[in-house]
Amino acid sequence: MKAPREAYVKALQEKVSAVCIDQAGEGVCRPGGGFTCRLQAFLDQIVEAIEGVESERIEDYVEAVRDKICSICEYREPDGSCPLRDTADCDLDRYLALVIEAVEEVAASGSALDM
């Protein structure tokens, strides 16, 4: 994570939380069913997973997320399935394209500052 953590938090709030069906206004996340927002719970791992992929294929990002985040998520079943993903209640899975976009934008701006 090259850029400050706060830059990723801000980018995710602007790009993902703004459209998240679980947000309660003003960027306040309120996932239903007592679930914790996966973006908040695994921010560092999400950034690491996404920044570790250089691909045009979403499948490569999905694989990285499943390896680094889903593998340690408390909702993952022993067989690798996930009740949150299966019911579209995993915000990371639901908004993965926007999450990738936000993380890559911050990483690119952080790299530009390093030059």
PDB file of N, CA and C in Angstrom:
ATOM      1  N   MET A   1       0.864  -1.172   0.000  1.00  0.00           N
ATOM      2  CA  MET A   1       0.000   0.000   0.000  1.00  0.00           C
ATOM      3  C   MET A   1       0.904   1.227   0.000  1.00  0.00           C
ATOM      4  N   LYS A   2       1.046   1.855  -1.161  1.00  0.00           N
ATOM      5  CA  LYS A   2       1.937   3.001  -1.294  1.00  0.00           C
ATOM      6  C   LYS A   2       1.300   4.290  -0.796  1.00  0.00           C
ATOM      7  N   ALA A   3       0.066   4.525  -1.173  1.00  0.00           N
ATOM      8  CA  ALA A   3      -0.640   5.737  -0.758  1.00  0.00           C
ATOM      9  C   ALA A   3      -1.087   5.577   0.699  1.00  0.00           C
ATOM     10  N   PRO A   4      -1.358   6.680   1.373  1.00  0.00           N
ATOM     11  CA  PRO A   4      -1.858   6.568   2.752  1.00  0.00           C
ATOM     12  C   PRO A   4      -3.198   5.829   2.794  1.00  0.00           C
ATOM     13  N   ARG A   5      -3.399   5.093   3.851  1.00  0.00           N
ATOM     14  CA  ARG A   5      -4.628   4.313   4.026  1.00  0.00           C
ATOM     15  C   ARG A   5      -5.871   5.195   3.860  1.00  0.00           C
ATOM     16  N   GLU A   6      -5.798   6.403   4.366  1.00  0.00           N
ATOM     17  CA  GLU A   6      -6.937   7.324   4.305  1.00  0.00           C
ATOM     18  C   GLU A   6      -7.341   7.620   2.862  1.00  0.00           C
ATOM     19  N   ALA A   7      -6.378   7.610   1.945  1.00  0.00           N
ATOM     20  CA  ALA A   7      -6.685   7.861   0.529  1.00  0.00           C
ATOM     21  C   ALA A   7      -7.557   6.741  -0.031  1.00  0.00           C
ATOM     22  N   TYR A   8      -7.284   5.506   0.368  1.00  0.00           N
ATOM     23  CA  TYR A   8      -8.101   4.377  -0.080  1.00  0.00           C
ATOM     24  C   TYR A   8      -9.494   4.441   0.538  1.00  0.00           C
ATOM     25  N   VAL A   9      -9.553   4.778   1.821  1.00  0.00           N
ATOM     26  CA  VAL A   9     -10.846   4.896   2.501  1.00  0.00           C
ATOM     27  C   VAL A   9     -11.702   5.946   1.802  1.00  0.00           C
ATOM     28  N   LYS A  10     -11.117   7.094   1.522  1.00  0.00           N
ATOM     29  CA  LYS A  10     -11.853   8.181   0.870  1.00  0.00           C
ATOM     30  C   LYS A  10     -12.324   7.767  -0.524  1.00  0.00           C
ATOM     31  N   ALA A  11     -11.441   7.160  -1.296  1.00  0.00           N
ATOM     32  CA  ALA A  11     -11.795   6.736  -2.652  1.00  0.00           C
ATOM     33  C   ALA A  11     -12.920   5.706  -2.637  1.00  0.00           C
ATOM     34  N   LEU A  12     -12.866   4.767  -1.705  1.00  0.00           N
ATOM     35  CA  LEU A  12     -13.918   3.754  -1.616  1.00  0.00           C
ATOM     36  C   LEU A  12     -15.236   4.375  -1.163  1.00  0.00           C
ATOM     37  N   GLN A  13     -15.179   5.338  -0.252  1.00  0.00           N
ATOM     38  CA  GLN A  13     -16.407   6.010   0.177  1.00  0.00           C
ATOM     39  C   GLN A  13     -17.045   6.756  -0.987  1.00  0.00           C
ATOM     40  N   GLU A  14     -16.216   7.440  -1.771  1.00  0.00           N
ATOM     41  CA  GLU A  14     -16.741   8.230  -2.886  1.00  0.00           C
ATOM     42  C   GLU A  14     -17.258   7.357  -4.023  1.00  0.00           C
ATOM     43  N   LYS A  15     -16.553   6.282  -4.320  1.00  0.00           N
ATOM     44  CA  LYS A  15     -16.897   5.467  -5.476  1.00  0.00           C
ATOM     45  C   LYS A  15     -17.870   4.340  -5.140  1.00  0.00           C
ATOM     46  N   VAL A  16     -17.734   3.730  -3.972  1.00  0.00           N
ATOM     47  CA  VAL A  16     -18.541   2.556  -3.637  1.00  0.00           C
ATOM     48  C   VAL A  16     -19.645   2.893  -2.640  1.00  0.00           C
ATOM     49  N   SER A  17     -19.270   3.486  -1.520  1.00  0.00           N
ATOM     50  CA  SER A  17     -20.273   3.775  -0.490  1.00  0.00           C
ATOM     51  C   SER A  17     -21.373   4.689  -1.012  1.00  0.00           C
ATOM     52  N   ALA A  18     -21.029   5.563  -1.928  1.00  0.00           N
ATOM     53  CA  ALA A  18     -22.019   6.492  -2.483  1.00  0.00           C
ATOM     54  C   ALA A  18     -23.146   5.776  -3.210  1.00  0.00           C
ATOM     55  N   VAL A  19     -22.885   4.577  -3.740  1.00  0.00           N
ATOM     56  CA  VAL A  19     -23.917   3.837  -4.477  1.00  0.00           C
ATOM     57  C   VAL A  19     -24.344   2.558  -3.769  1.00  0.00           C
ATOM     58  N   CYS A  20     -23.731   2.256  -2.648  1.00  0.00           N
ATOM     59  CA  CYS A  20     -24.023   1.013  -1.938  1.00  0.00           C
ATOM     60  C   CYS A  20     -25.457   0.997  -1.427  1.00  0.00           C
ATOM     61  N   ILE A  21     -26.134  -0.116  -1.642  1.00  0.00           N
ATOM     62  CA  ILE A  21     -27.527  -0.228  -1.190  1.00  0.00           C
ATOM     63  C   ILE A  21     -27.630  -0.325   0.329  1.00  0.00           C
ATOM     64  N   ASP A  22     -26.499  -0.570   0.991  1.00  0.00           N
ATOM     65  CA  ASP A  22     -26.491  -0.679   2.446  1.00  0.00           C
ATOM     66  C   ASP A  22     -26.104   0.608   3.152  1.00  0.00           C
ATOM     67  N   GLN A  23     -25.861   1.671   2.409  1.00  0.00           N
ATOM     68  CA  GLN A  23     -25.458   2.915   3.064  1.00  0.00           C
ATOM     69  C   GLN A  23     -26.699   3.667   3.542  1.00  0.00           C
ATOM     70  N   ALA A  24     -26.522   4.326   4.638  1.00  0.00           N
ATOM     71  CA  ALA A  24     -27.638   5.018   5.286  1.00  0.00           C
ATOM     72  C   ALA A  24     -27.545   6.526   5.101  1.00  0.00           C
ATOM     73  N   GLY A  25     -26.831   6.960   4.091  1.00  0.00           N
ATOM     74  CA  GLY A  25     -26.663   8.393   3.870  1.00  0.00           C
ATOM     75  C   GLY A  25     -25.373   8.882   4.463  1.00  0.00           C
ATOM     76  N   GLU A  26     -24.801   9.892   3.847  1.00  0.00           N
ATOM     77  CA  GLU A  26     -23.556  10.508   4.301  1.00  0.00           C
ATOM     78  C   GLU A  26     -22.419   9.502   4.426  1.00  0.00           C
ATOM     79  N   GLY A  27     -22.461   8.440   3.605  1.00  0.00           N
ATOM     80  CA  GLY A  27     -21.378   7.458   3.602  1.00  0.00           C
ATOM     81  C   GLY A  27     -21.366   6.520   4.787  1.00  0.00           C
ATOM     82  N   VAL A  28     -22.411   6.518   5.598  1.00  0.00           N
ATOM     83  CA  VAL A  28     -22.480   5.632   6.755  1.00  0.00           C
ATOM     84  C   VAL A  28     -22.985   4.275   6.295  1.00  0.00           C
ATOM     85  N   CYS A  29     -22.198   3.252   6.521  1.00  0.00           N
ATOM     86  CA  CYS A  29     -22.533   1.903   6.078  1.00  0.00           C
ATOM     87  C   CYS A  29     -23.395   1.206   7.137  1.00  0.00           C
ATOM     88  N   ARG A  30     -24.474   0.613   6.671  1.00  0.00           N
ATOM     89  CA  ARG A  30     -25.355  -0.136   7.563  1.00  0.00           C
ATOM     90  C   ARG A  30     -25.797  -1.427   6.872  1.00  0.00           C
ATOM     91  N   PRO A  31     -24.870  -2.388   6.733  1.00  0.00           N
ATOM     92  CA  PRO A  31     -25.274  -3.640   6.090  1.00  0.00           C
ATOM     93  C   PRO A  31     -26.333  -4.354   6.912  1.00  0.00           C
ATOM     94  N   GLY A  32     -27.258  -4.979   6.230  1.00  0.00           N
ATOM     95  CA  GLY A  32     -28.333  -5.692   6.912  1.00  0.00           C
ATOM     96  C   GLY A  32     -27.860  -7.004   7.501  1.00  0.00           C
ATOM     97  N   GLY A  33     -28.700  -7.604   8.296  1.00  0.00           N
ATOM     98  CA  GLY A  33     -28.429  -8.919   8.849  1.00  0.00           C
ATOM     99  C   GLY A  33     -27.287  -8.980   9.836  1.00  0.00           C
ATOM    100  N   GLY A  34     -26.837  -7.838  10.348  1.00  0.00           N
ATOM    101  CA  GLY A  34     -25.760  -7.841  11.327  1.00  0.00           C
ATOM    102  C   GLY A  34     -24.384  -8.075  10.730  1.00  0.00           C
ATOM    103  N   PHE A  35     -24.253  -8.027   9.400  1.00  0.00           N
ATOM    104  CA  PHE A  35     -22.968  -8.234   8.753  1.00  0.00           C
ATOM    105  C   PHE A  35     -22.111  -6.978   8.859  1.00  0.00           C
ATOM    106  N   THR A  36     -20.814  -7.173   8.915  1.00  0.00           N
ATOM    107  CA  THR A  36     -19.867  -6.066   8.883  1.00  0.00           C
ATOM    108  C   THR A  36     -19.489  -5.819   7.437  1.00  0.00           C
ATOM    109  N   CYS A  37     -19.379  -4.577   7.062  1.00  0.00           N
ATOM    110  CA  CYS A  37     -18.965  -4.217   5.707  1.00  0.00           C
ATOM    111  C   CYS A  37     -17.611  -4.859   5.424  1.00  0.00           C
ATOM    112  N   ARG A  38     -17.530  -5.634   4.370  1.00  0.00           N
ATOM    113  CA  ARG A  38     -16.288  -6.320   4.001  1.00  0.00           C
ATOM    114  C   ARG A  38     -15.207  -5.319   3.594  1.00  0.00           C
ATOM    115  N   LEU A  39     -15.605  -4.186   3.032  1.00  0.00           N
ATOM    116  CA  LEU A  39     -14.625  -3.179   2.630  1.00  0.00           C
ATOM    117  C   LEU A  39     -13.919  -2.603   3.848  1.00  0.00           C
ATOM    118  N   GLN A  40     -14.658  -2.414   4.909  1.00  0.00           N
ATOM    119  CA  GLN A  40     -14.070  -1.899   6.144  1.00  0.00           C
ATOM    120  C   GLN A  40     -13.252  -2.977   6.854  1.00  0.00           C
ATOM    121  N   ALA A  41     -13.781  -4.182   6.882  1.00  0.00           N
ATOM    122  CA  ALA A  41     -13.135  -5.265   7.622  1.00  0.00           C
ATOM    123  C   ALA A  41     -11.817  -5.713   7.002  1.00  0.00           C
ATOM    124  N   PHE A  42     -11.695  -5.613   5.681  1.00  0.00           N
ATOM    125  CA  PHE A  42     -10.529  -6.164   4.994  1.00  0.00           C
ATOM    126  C   PHE A  42      -9.826  -5.161   4.083  1.00  0.00           C
ATOM    127  N   LEU A  43      -9.861  -3.899   4.413  1.00  0.00           N
ATOM    128  CA  LEU A  43      -9.302  -2.875   3.534  1.00  0.00           C
ATOM    129  C   LEU A  43      -7.857  -3.169   3.130  1.00  0.00           C
ATOM    130  N   ASP A  44      -6.993  -3.446   4.080  1.00  0.00           N
ATOM    131  CA  ASP A  44      -5.577  -3.663   3.767  1.00  0.00           C
ATOM    132  C   ASP A  44      -5.393  -4.859   2.827  1.00  0.00           C
ATOM    133  N   GLN A  45      -6.114  -5.943   3.077  1.00  0.00           N
ATOM    134  CA  GLN A  45      -6.017  -7.135   2.236  1.00  0.00           C
ATOM    135  C   GLN A  45      -6.597  -6.887   0.842  1.00  0.00           C
ATOM    136  N   ILE A  46      -7.660  -6.089   0.769  1.00  0.00           N
ATOM    137  CA  ILE A  46      -8.261  -5.753  -0.521  1.00  0.00           C
ATOM    138  C   ILE A  46      -7.264  -4.981  -1.372  1.00  0.00           C
ATOM    139  N   VAL A  47      -6.649  -3.975  -0.788  1.00  0.00           N
ATOM    140  CA  VAL A  47      -5.669  -3.169  -1.511  1.00  0.00           C
ATOM    141  C   VAL A  47      -4.515  -4.048  -1.973  1.00  0.00           C
ATOM    142  N   GLU A  48      -4.018  -4.879  -1.102  1.00  0.00           N
ATOM    143  CA  GLU A  48      -2.912  -5.776  -1.447  1.00  0.00           C
ATOM    144  C   GLU A  48      -3.303  -6.720  -2.587  1.00  0.00           C
ATOM    145  N   ALA A  49      -4.487  -7.291  -2.515  1.00  0.00           N
ATOM    146  CA  ALA A  49      -4.943  -8.221  -3.558  1.00  0.00           C
ATOM    147  C   ALA A  49      -5.067  -7.522  -4.902  1.00  0.00           C
ATOM    148  N   ILE A  50      -5.686  -6.362  -4.921  1.00  0.00           N
ATOM    149  CA  ILE A  50      -5.918  -5.649  -6.179  1.00  0.00           C
ATOM    150  C   ILE A  50      -4.621  -5.106  -6.758  1.00  0.00           C
ATOM    151  N   GLU A  51      -3.778  -4.549  -5.910  1.00  0.00           N
ATOM    152  CA  GLU A  51      -2.513  -4.019  -6.411  1.00  0.00           C
ATOM    153  C   GLU A  51      -1.568  -5.125  -6.888  1.00  0.00           C
ATOM    154  N   GLY A  52      -1.833  -6.363  -6.488  1.00  0.00           N
ATOM    155  CA  GLY A  52      -1.018  -7.492  -6.926  1.00  0.00           C
ATOM    156  C   GLY A  52      -1.419  -8.044  -8.287  1.00  0.00           C
ATOM    157  N   VAL A  53      -2.457  -7.477  -8.892  1.00  0.00           N
ATOM    158  CA  VAL A  53      -2.952  -7.964 -10.184  1.00  0.00           C
ATOM    159  C   VAL A  53      -2.740  -6.889 -11.240  1.00  0.00           C
ATOM    160  N   GLU A  54      -2.223  -7.301 -12.374  1.00  0.00           N
ATOM    161  CA  GLU A  54      -2.142  -6.428 -13.542  1.00  0.00           C
ATOM    162  C   GLU A  54      -2.787  -7.190 -14.684  1.00  0.00           C
ATOM    163  N   SER A  55      -4.056  -6.907 -14.923  1.00  0.00           N
ATOM    164  CA  SER A  55      -4.792  -7.665 -15.918  1.00  0.00           C
ATOM    165  C   SER A  55      -5.987  -6.869 -16.413  1.00  0.00           C
ATOM    166  N   GLU A  56      -6.428  -7.193 -17.581  1.00  0.00           N
ATOM    167  CA  GLU A  56      -7.654  -6.623 -18.136  1.00  0.00           C
ATOM    168  C   GLU A  56      -8.848  -7.514 -17.800  1.00  0.00           C
ATOM    169  N   ARG A  57      -8.586  -8.668 -17.222  1.00  0.00           N
ATOM    170  CA  ARG A  57      -9.634  -9.655 -16.948  1.00  0.00           C
ATOM    171  C   ARG A  57     -10.125  -9.560 -15.499  1.00  0.00           C
ATOM    172  N   ILE A  58     -11.407  -9.356 -15.324  1.00  0.00           N
ATOM    173  CA  ILE A  58     -12.001  -9.294 -13.982  1.00  0.00           C
ATOM    174  C   ILE A  58     -11.794 -10.609 -13.230  1.00  0.00           C
ATOM    175  N   GLU A  59     -11.742 -11.703 -13.962  1.00  0.00           N
ATOM    176  CA  GLU A  59     -11.570 -13.020 -13.342  1.00  0.00           C
ATOM    177  C   GLU A  59     -10.267 -13.104 -12.542  1.00  0.00           C
ATOM    178  N   ASP A  60      -9.234 -12.410 -13.017  1.00  0.00           N
ATOM    179  CA  ASP A  60      -7.957 -12.414 -12.298  1.00  0.00           C
ATOM    180  C   ASP A  60      -8.072 -11.687 -10.961  1.00  0.00           C
ATOM    181  N   TYR A  61      -8.852 -10.628 -10.941  1.00  0.00           N
ATOM    182  CA  TYR A  61      -9.090  -9.899  -9.689  1.00  0.00           C
ATOM    183  C   TYR A  61      -9.970 -10.724  -8.751  1.00  0.00           C
ATOM    184  N   VAL A  62     -10.979 -11.368  -9.304  1.00  0.00           N
ATOM    185  CA  VAL A  62     -11.854 -12.229  -8.492  1.00  0.00           C
ATOM    186  C   VAL A  62     -11.020 -13.310  -7.831  1.00  0.00           C
ATOM    187  N   GLU A  63     -10.133 -13.933  -8.590  1.00  0.00           N
ATOM    188  CA  GLU A  63      -9.273 -14.982  -8.038  1.00  0.00           C
ATOM    189  C   GLU A  63      -8.388 -14.440  -6.913  1.00  0.00           C
ATOM    190  N   ALA A  64      -7.807 -13.268  -7.111  1.00  0.00           N
ATOM    191  CA  ALA A  64      -6.954 -12.666  -6.076  1.00  0.00           C
ATOM    192  C   ALA A  64      -7.749 -12.353  -4.815  1.00  0.00           C
ATOM    193  N   VAL A  65      -8.949 -11.822  -4.983  1.00  0.00           N
ATOM    194  CA  VAL A  65      -9.810 -11.509  -3.835  1.00  0.00           C
ATOM    195  C   VAL A  65     -10.192 -12.782  -3.096  1.00  0.00           C
ATOM    196  N   ARG A  66     -10.564 -13.803  -3.845  1.00  0.00           N
ATOM    197  CA  ARG A  66     -10.958 -15.070  -3.201  1.00  0.00           C
ATOM    198  C   ARG A  66      -9.786 -15.678  -2.444  1.00  0.00           C
ATOM    199  N   ASP A  67      -8.581 -15.573  -3.010  1.00  0.00           N
ATOM    200  CA  ASP A  67      -7.397 -16.129  -2.347  1.00  0.00           C
ATOM    201  C   ASP A  67      -7.012 -15.355  -1.095  1.00  0.00           C
ATOM    202  N   LYS A  68      -7.050 -14.024  -1.169  1.00  0.00           N
ATOM    203  CA  LYS A  68      -6.531 -13.203  -0.061  1.00  0.00           C
ATOM    204  C   LYS A  68      -7.585 -12.796   0.960  1.00  0.00           C
ATOM    205  N   ILE A  69      -8.834 -12.610   0.536  1.00  0.00           N
ATOM    206  CA  ILE A  69      -9.848 -12.117   1.465  1.00  0.00           C
ATOM    207  C   ILE A  69     -10.849 -13.212   1.826  1.00  0.00           C
ATOM    208  N   CYS A  70     -11.446 -13.807   0.821  1.00  0.00           N
ATOM    209  CA  CYS A  70     -12.468 -14.827   1.093  1.00  0.00           C
ATOM    210  C   CYS A  70     -11.895 -15.982   1.911  1.00  0.00           C
ATOM    211  N   SER A  71     -10.636 -16.290   1.685  1.00  0.00           N
ATOM    212  CA  SER A  71     -10.005 -17.410   2.393  1.00  0.00           C
ATOM    213  C   SER A  71      -9.902 -17.166   3.900  1.00  0.00           C
ATOM    214  N   ILE A  72      -9.954 -15.892   4.327  1.00  0.00           N
ATOM    215  CA  ILE A  72      -9.857 -15.590   5.763  1.00  0.00           C
ATOM    216  C   ILE A  72     -11.147 -15.006   6.335  1.00  0.00           C
ATOM    217  N   CYS A  73     -12.156 -14.867   5.492  1.00  0.00           N
ATOM    218  CA  CYS A  73     -13.426 -14.281   5.931  1.00  0.00           C
ATOM    219  C   CYS A  73     -14.202 -15.265   6.801  1.00  0.00           C
ATOM    220  N   GLU A  74     -14.775 -14.755   7.863  1.00  0.00           N
ATOM    221  CA  GLU A  74     -15.507 -15.616   8.802  1.00  0.00           C
ATOM    222  C   GLU A  74     -16.790 -16.199   8.216  1.00  0.00           C
ATOM    223  N   TYR A  75     -17.265 -15.666   7.104  1.00  0.00           N
ATOM    224  CA  TYR A  75     -18.495 -16.177   6.491  1.00  0.00           C
ATOM    225  C   TYR A  75     -18.237 -17.297   5.492  1.00  0.00           C
ATOM    226  N   ARG A  76     -16.986 -17.543   5.162  1.00  0.00           N
ATOM    227  CA  ARG A  76     -16.646 -18.602   4.210  1.00  0.00           C
ATOM    228  C   ARG A  76     -16.922 -19.960   4.827  1.00  0.00           C
ATOM    229  N   GLU A  77     -17.562 -20.808   4.046  1.00  0.00           N
ATOM    230  CA  GLU A  77     -17.855 -22.176   4.478  1.00  0.00           C
ATOM    231  C   GLU A  77     -16.634 -23.061   4.205  1.00  0.00           C
ATOM    232  N   PRO A  78     -16.525 -24.204   4.888  1.00  0.00           N
ATOM    233  CA  PRO A  78     -15.377 -25.095   4.668  1.00  0.00           C
ATOM    234  C   PRO A  78     -15.213 -25.532   3.204  1.00  0.00           C
ATOM    235  N   ASP A  79     -16.307 -25.616   2.466  1.00  0.00           N
ATOM    236  CA  ASP A  79     -16.221 -26.021   1.060  1.00  0.00           C
ATOM    237  C   ASP A  79     -15.863 -24.862   0.127  1.00  0.00           C
ATOM    238  N   GLY A  80     -15.636 -23.661   0.692  1.00  0.00           N
ATOM    239  CA  GLY A  80     -15.257 -22.496  -0.107  1.00  0.00           C
ATOM    240  C   GLY A  80     -16.434 -21.629  -0.524  1.00  0.00           C
ATOM    241  N   SER A  81     -17.634 -22.103  -0.289  1.00  0.00           N
ATOM    242  CA  SER A  81     -18.804 -21.304  -0.646  1.00  0.00           C
ATOM    243  C   SER A  81     -19.003 -20.192   0.387  1.00  0.00           C
ATOM    244  N   CYS A  82     -19.877 -19.258   0.053  1.00  0.00           N
ATOM    245  CA  CYS A  82     -20.119 -18.136   0.950  1.00  0.00           C
ATOM    246  C   CYS A  82     -21.588 -17.749   0.891  1.00  0.00           C
ATOM    247  N   PRO A  83     -22.268 -17.780   2.021  1.00  0.00           N
ATOM    248  CA  PRO A  83     -23.682 -17.394   2.023  1.00  0.00           C
ATOM    249  C   PRO A  83     -23.892 -15.922   1.676  1.00  0.00           C
ATOM    250  N   LEU A  84     -22.926 -15.069   1.977  1.00  0.00           N
ATOM    251  CA  LEU A  84     -23.060 -13.656   1.618  1.00  0.00           C
ATOM    252  C   LEU A  84     -22.951 -13.473   0.111  1.00  0.00           C
ATOM    253  N   ARG A  85     -21.970 -14.114  -0.506  1.00  0.00           N
ATOM    254  CA  ARG A  85     -21.843 -14.037  -1.968  1.00  0.00           C
ATOM    255  C   ARG A  85     -23.064 -14.641  -2.649  1.00  0.00           C
ATOM    256  N   ASP A  86     -23.520 -15.771  -2.136  1.00  0.00           N
ATOM    257  CA  ASP A  86     -24.645 -16.486  -2.757  1.00  0.00           C
ATOM    258  C   ASP A  86     -25.933 -15.669  -2.757  1.00  0.00           C
ATOM    259  N   THR A  87     -26.078 -14.773  -1.786  1.00  0.00           N
ATOM    260  CA  THR A  87     -27.292 -13.955  -1.697  1.00  0.00           C
ATOM    261  C   THR A  87     -27.035 -12.499  -2.083  1.00  0.00           C
ATOM    262  N   ALA A  88     -25.882 -12.239  -2.695  1.00  0.00           N
ATOM    263  CA  ALA A  88     -25.485 -10.886  -3.121  1.00  0.00           C
ATOM    264  C   ALA A  88     -25.418  -9.917  -1.946  1.00  0.00           C
ATOM    265  N   ASP A  89     -25.079 -10.423  -0.760  1.00  0.00           N
ATOM    266  CA  ASP A  89     -24.948  -9.584   0.426  1.00  0.00           C
ATOM    267  C   ASP A  89     -23.503  -9.246   0.760  1.00  0.00           C
ATOM    268  N   CYS A  90     -22.560  -9.749  -0.026  1.00  0.00           N
ATOM    269  CA  CYS A  90     -21.155  -9.403   0.175  1.00  0.00           C
ATOM    270  C   CYS A  90     -20.874  -8.142  -0.629  1.00  0.00           C
ATOM    271  N   ASP A  91     -20.655  -7.045   0.070  1.00  0.00           N
ATOM    272  CA  ASP A  91     -20.423  -5.773  -0.623  1.00  0.00           C
ATOM    273  C   ASP A  91     -19.148  -5.798  -1.452  1.00  0.00           C
ATOM    274  N   LEU A  92     -18.145  -6.516  -1.028  1.00  0.00           N
ATOM    275  CA  LEU A  92     -16.916  -6.623  -1.811  1.00  0.00           C
ATOM    276  C   LEU A  92     -17.204  -7.309  -3.140  1.00  0.00           C
ATOM    277  N   ASP A  93     -17.913  -8.402  -3.103  1.00  0.00           N
ATOM    278  CA  ASP A  93     -18.253  -9.127  -4.324  1.00  0.00           C
ATOM    279  C   ASP A  93     -19.204  -8.314  -5.200  1.00  0.00           C
ATOM    280  N   ARG A  94     -20.195  -7.722  -4.582  1.00  0.00           N
ATOM    281  CA  ARG A  94     -21.222  -6.950  -5.310  1.00  0.00           C
ATOM    282  C   ARG A  94     -20.626  -5.757  -6.049  1.00  0.00           C
ATOM    283  N   TYR A  95     -19.677  -5.078  -5.434  1.00  0.00           N
ATOM    284  CA  TYR A  95     -19.119  -3.854  -6.005  1.00  0.00           C
ATOM    285  C   TYR A  95     -17.659  -4.009  -6.419  1.00  0.00           C
ATOM    286  N   LEU A  96     -17.234  -5.221  -6.713  1.00  0.00           N
ATOM    287  CA  LEU A  96     -15.811  -5.456  -6.980  1.00  0.00           C
ATOM    288  C   LEU A  96     -15.269  -4.576  -8.103  1.00  0.00           C
ATOM    289  N   ALA A  97     -16.000  -4.382  -9.173  1.00  0.00           N
ATOM    290  CA  ALA A  97     -15.506  -3.554 -10.279  1.00  0.00           C
ATOM    291  C   ALA A  97     -15.228  -2.124  -9.803  1.00  0.00           C
ATOM    292  N   LEU A  98     -16.122  -1.581  -8.976  1.00  0.00           N
ATOM    293  CA  LEU A  98     -15.913  -0.225  -8.447  1.00  0.00           C
ATOM    294  C   LEU A  98     -14.759  -0.189  -7.446  1.00  0.00           C
ATOM    295  N   VAL A  99     -14.626  -1.244  -6.667  1.00  0.00           N
ATOM    296  CA  VAL A  99     -13.524  -1.330  -5.701  1.00  0.00           C
ATOM    297  C   VAL A  99     -12.188  -1.344  -6.443  1.00  0.00           C
ATOM    298  N   ILE A 100     -12.110  -2.143  -7.497  1.00  0.00           N
ATOM    299  CA  ILE A 100     -10.885  -2.206  -8.303  1.00  0.00           C
ATOM    300  C   ILE A 100     -10.560  -0.823  -8.857  1.00  0.00           C
ATOM    301  N   GLU A 101     -11.561  -0.177  -9.418  1.00  0.00           N
ATOM    302  CA  GLU A 101     -11.383   1.155  -9.988  1.00  0.00           C
ATOM    303  C   GLU A 101     -10.844   2.141  -8.947  1.00  0.00           C
ATOM    304  N   ALA A 102     -11.452   2.146  -7.768  1.00  0.00           N
ATOM    305  CA  ALA A 102     -11.039   3.070  -6.710  1.00  0.00           C
ATOM    306  C   ALA A 102      -9.606   2.800  -6.265  1.00  0.00           C
ATOM    307  N   VAL A 103      -9.277   1.545  -6.012  1.00  0.00           N
ATOM    308  CA  VAL A 103      -7.937   1.197  -5.546  1.00  0.00           C
ATOM    309  C   VAL A 103      -6.894   1.534  -6.608  1.00  0.00           C
ATOM    310  N   GLU A 104      -7.190   1.210  -7.861  1.00  0.00           N
ATOM    311  CA  GLU A 104      -6.217   1.486  -8.922  1.00  0.00           C
ATOM    312  C   GLU A 104      -6.032   2.981  -9.149  1.00  0.00           C
ATOM    313  N   GLU A 105      -7.085   3.770  -8.983  1.00  0.00           N
ATOM    314  CA  GLU A 105      -6.957   5.228  -9.106  1.00  0.00           C
ATOM    315  C   GLU A 105      -6.058   5.795  -8.016  1.00  0.00           C
ATOM    316  N   VAL A 106      -6.241   5.317  -6.790  1.00  0.00           N
ATOM    317  CA  VAL A 106      -5.400   5.793  -5.693  1.00  0.00           C
ATOM    318  C   VAL A 106      -3.963   5.347  -5.897  1.00  0.00           C
ATOM    319  N   ALA A 107      -3.776   4.096  -6.293  1.00  0.00           N
ATOM    320  CA  ALA A 107      -2.423   3.588  -6.516  1.00  0.00           C
ATOM    321  C   ALA A 107      -1.718   4.382  -7.616  1.00  0.00           C
ATOM    322  N   ALA A 108      -2.443   4.701  -8.680  1.00  0.00           N
ATOM    323  CA  ALA A 108      -1.859   5.469  -9.786  1.00  0.00           C
ATOM    324  C   ALA A 108      -1.491   6.880  -9.337  1.00  0.00           C
ATOM    325  N   SER A 109      -2.342   7.493  -8.559  1.00  0.00           N
ATOM    326  CA  SER A 109      -2.031   8.852  -8.086  1.00  0.00           C
ATOM    327  C   SER A 109      -0.889   8.820  -7.086  1.00  0.00           C
ATOM    328  N   GLY A 110      -0.804   7.771  -6.289  1.00  0.00           N
ATOM    329  CA  GLY A 110       0.305   7.629  -5.339  1.00  0.00           C
ATOM    330  C   GLY A 110       1.619   7.414  -6.057  1.00  0.00           C
ATOM    331  N   SER A 111       1.582   6.623  -7.139  1.00  0.00           N
ATOM    332  CA  SER A 111       2.786   6.376  -7.928  1.00  0.00           C
ATOM    333  C   SER A 111       3.240   7.645  -8.626  1.00  0.00           C
ATOM    334  N   ALA A 112       2.287   8.446  -9.083  1.00  0.00           N
ATOM    335  CA  ALA A 112       2.621   9.699  -9.763  1.00  0.00           C
ATOM    336  C   ALA A 112       3.315  10.652  -8.782  1.00  0.00           C
ATOM    337  N   LEU A 113       2.902  10.613  -7.517  1.00  0.00           N
ATOM    338  CA  LEU A 113       3.521  11.479  -6.511  1.00  0.00           C
ATOM    339  C   LEU A 113       4.944  11.043  -6.190  1.00  0.00           C
ATOM    340  N   ASP A 114       5.229   9.744  -6.355  1.00  0.00           N
ATOM    341  CA  ASP A 114       6.564   9.220  -6.041  1.00  0.00           C
ATOM    342  C   ASP A 114       7.614   9.629  -7.061  1.00  0.00           C
ATOM    343  N   MET A 115       7.175  10.046  -8.250  1.00  0.00           N
ATOM    344  CA  MET A 115       8.124  10.357  -9.329  1.00  0.00           C
ATOM    345  C   MET A 115       8.847  11.653  -9.098  1.00  0.00           C
TER     346      MET A 115
END
